[in-house]
Amino acid sequence: MPPHRRNYSAEFKEEAVKMVIETSRPIAQVAKELGIHDATLGNWVNAYRRELR
């Protein structure tokens, strides 16, 4: 059986990205604190940065 895919609210994603952007902390550190995979948070941060361009 494939692993269950979690859905995160827009608010959760926004707060997680802010934790990385505003504090300049490493994505891996923030992801570990939030209990999510660092690649997932990295994708959210990259999407946020693309939107700013």
N, C-alpha and C. Protein backbone atom coordinates (compact mmCIF):
# COMPACT_ATOMS: atom_id res chain seq x y z
N MET A 1 0.84 -1.18 0.00
CA MET A 1 0.00 0.00 0.00
C MET A 1 0.90 1.26 0.00
N PRO A 2 0.63 2.22 -0.88
CA PRO A 2 1.46 3.43 -0.93
C PRO A 2 1.27 4.28 0.32
N PRO A 3 2.31 5.04 0.67
CA PRO A 3 2.18 5.88 1.86
C PRO A 3 1.11 6.95 1.69
N HIS A 4 0.51 7.34 2.79
CA HIS A 4 -0.55 8.36 2.77
C HIS A 4 0.07 9.72 2.49
N ARG A 5 -0.50 10.44 1.57
CA ARG A 5 -0.02 11.77 1.23
C ARG A 5 -0.74 12.80 2.09
N ARG A 6 0.03 13.58 2.82
CA ARG A 6 -0.58 14.57 3.71
C ARG A 6 -0.88 15.85 2.95
N ASN A 7 -1.97 16.48 3.33
CA ASN A 7 -2.32 17.78 2.78
C ASN A 7 -2.11 18.83 3.85
N TYR A 8 -1.47 19.92 3.47
CA TYR A 8 -1.19 21.00 4.40
C TYR A 8 -1.99 22.23 4.00
N SER A 9 -2.49 22.93 4.99
CA SER A 9 -3.27 24.14 4.70
C SER A 9 -2.35 25.23 4.16
N ALA A 10 -2.96 26.16 3.46
CA ALA A 10 -2.20 27.30 2.93
C ALA A 10 -1.57 28.09 4.07
N GLU A 11 -2.26 28.18 5.19
CA GLU A 11 -1.74 28.92 6.34
C GLU A 11 -0.50 28.24 6.91
N PHE A 12 -0.53 26.91 7.00
CA PHE A 12 0.63 26.17 7.50
C PHE A 12 1.83 26.39 6.59
N LYS A 13 1.60 26.27 5.28
CA LYS A 13 2.69 26.46 4.32
C LYS A 13 3.27 27.87 4.43
N GLU A 14 2.39 28.86 4.53
CA GLU A 14 2.84 30.25 4.61
C GLU A 14 3.68 30.48 5.86
N GLU A 15 3.23 29.97 6.98
CA GLU A 15 3.98 30.14 8.23
C GLU A 15 5.33 29.42 8.16
N ALA A 16 5.36 28.24 7.57
CA ALA A 16 6.61 27.49 7.44
C ALA A 16 7.60 28.25 6.57
N VAL A 17 7.14 28.80 5.47
CA VAL A 17 8.01 29.57 4.57
C VAL A 17 8.53 30.81 5.29
N LYS A 18 7.65 31.48 6.02
CA LYS A 18 8.07 32.67 6.77
C LYS A 18 9.17 32.34 7.77
N MET A 19 9.07 31.17 8.40
CA MET A 19 10.09 30.77 9.37
C MET A 19 11.46 30.67 8.70
N VAL A 20 11.49 30.25 7.46
CA VAL A 20 12.76 30.13 6.74
C VAL A 20 13.22 31.50 6.24
N ILE A 21 12.33 32.23 5.59
CA ILE A 21 12.70 33.50 4.95
C ILE A 21 13.06 34.56 5.99
N GLU A 22 12.22 34.73 7.00
CA GLU A 22 12.40 35.83 7.94
C GLU A 22 13.50 35.59 8.96
N THR A 23 13.82 34.35 9.25
CA THR A 23 14.84 34.07 10.26
C THR A 23 16.16 33.60 9.65
N SER A 24 16.16 33.36 8.34
CA SER A 24 17.36 32.87 7.63
C SER A 24 17.87 31.55 8.21
N ARG A 25 16.95 30.77 8.78
CA ARG A 25 17.34 29.46 9.30
C ARG A 25 17.32 28.45 8.16
N PRO A 26 18.12 27.41 8.27
CA PRO A 26 18.15 26.39 7.21
C PRO A 26 16.81 25.69 7.06
N ILE A 27 16.47 25.37 5.83
CA ILE A 27 15.23 24.66 5.53
C ILE A 27 15.17 23.35 6.31
N ALA A 28 16.27 22.62 6.35
CA ALA A 28 16.27 21.33 7.04
C ALA A 28 15.94 21.47 8.52
N GLN A 29 16.44 22.52 9.16
CA GLN A 29 16.19 22.73 10.58
C GLN A 29 14.72 23.05 10.83
N VAL A 30 14.16 23.93 10.04
CA VAL A 30 12.75 24.30 10.19
C VAL A 30 11.86 23.10 9.90
N ALA A 31 12.17 22.36 8.85
CA ALA A 31 11.37 21.19 8.49
C ALA A 31 11.38 20.16 9.61
N LYS A 32 12.52 19.94 10.21
CA LYS A 32 12.60 18.97 11.31
C LYS A 32 11.74 19.42 12.48
N GLU A 33 11.78 20.70 12.80
CA GLU A 33 10.97 21.23 13.91
C GLU A 33 9.48 21.06 13.64
N LEU A 34 9.09 21.20 12.38
CA LEU A 34 7.67 21.11 12.01
C LEU A 34 7.23 19.68 11.74
N GLY A 35 8.17 18.76 11.64
CA GLY A 35 7.84 17.36 11.39
C GLY A 35 7.46 17.08 9.95
N ILE A 36 8.06 17.85 9.03
CA ILE A 36 7.82 17.61 7.60
C ILE A 36 9.14 17.34 6.91
N HIS A 37 9.07 16.80 5.72
CA HIS A 37 10.28 16.48 4.95
C HIS A 37 10.90 17.78 4.44
N ASP A 38 12.23 17.84 4.49
CA ASP A 38 12.91 19.07 4.08
C ASP A 38 12.70 19.39 2.60
N ALA A 39 12.55 18.37 1.77
CA ALA A 39 12.31 18.63 0.35
C ALA A 39 10.94 19.29 0.14
N THR A 40 9.98 18.91 0.94
CA THR A 40 8.65 19.52 0.84
C THR A 40 8.73 21.00 1.16
N LEU A 41 9.37 21.34 2.27
CA LEU A 41 9.52 22.74 2.65
C LEU A 41 10.36 23.48 1.62
N GLY A 42 11.37 22.83 1.09
CA GLY A 42 12.20 23.45 0.05
C GLY A 42 11.38 23.81 -1.17
N ASN A 43 10.45 22.94 -1.55
CA ASN A 43 9.58 23.23 -2.69
C ASN A 43 8.71 24.45 -2.41
N TRP A 44 8.19 24.54 -1.18
CA TRP A 44 7.35 25.68 -0.83
C TRP A 44 8.14 26.99 -0.85
N VAL A 45 9.37 26.93 -0.33
CA VAL A 45 10.21 28.13 -0.31
C VAL A 45 10.57 28.55 -1.73
N ASN A 46 10.92 27.60 -2.57
CA ASN A 46 11.25 27.92 -3.96
C ASN A 46 10.05 28.52 -4.70
N ALA A 47 8.87 27.98 -4.47
CA ALA A 47 7.66 28.52 -5.10
C ALA A 47 7.42 29.95 -4.63
N TYR A 48 7.62 30.20 -3.36
CA TYR A 48 7.46 31.56 -2.81
C TYR A 48 8.45 32.52 -3.48
N ARG A 49 9.68 32.10 -3.60
CA ARG A 49 10.71 32.96 -4.21
C ARG A 49 10.41 33.22 -5.68
N ARG A 50 9.88 32.22 -6.39
CA ARG A 50 9.51 32.42 -7.79
C ARG A 50 8.38 33.44 -7.93
N GLU A 51 7.44 33.42 -6.98
CA GLU A 51 6.32 34.35 -7.01
C GLU A 51 6.78 35.80 -6.84
N LEU A 52 7.89 36.00 -6.14
CA LEU A 52 8.39 37.35 -5.90
C LEU A 52 9.02 37.98 -7.12
N ARG A 53 9.39 37.18 -8.08
CA ARG A 53 10.08 37.72 -9.27
C ARG A 53 9.15 38.45 -10.17
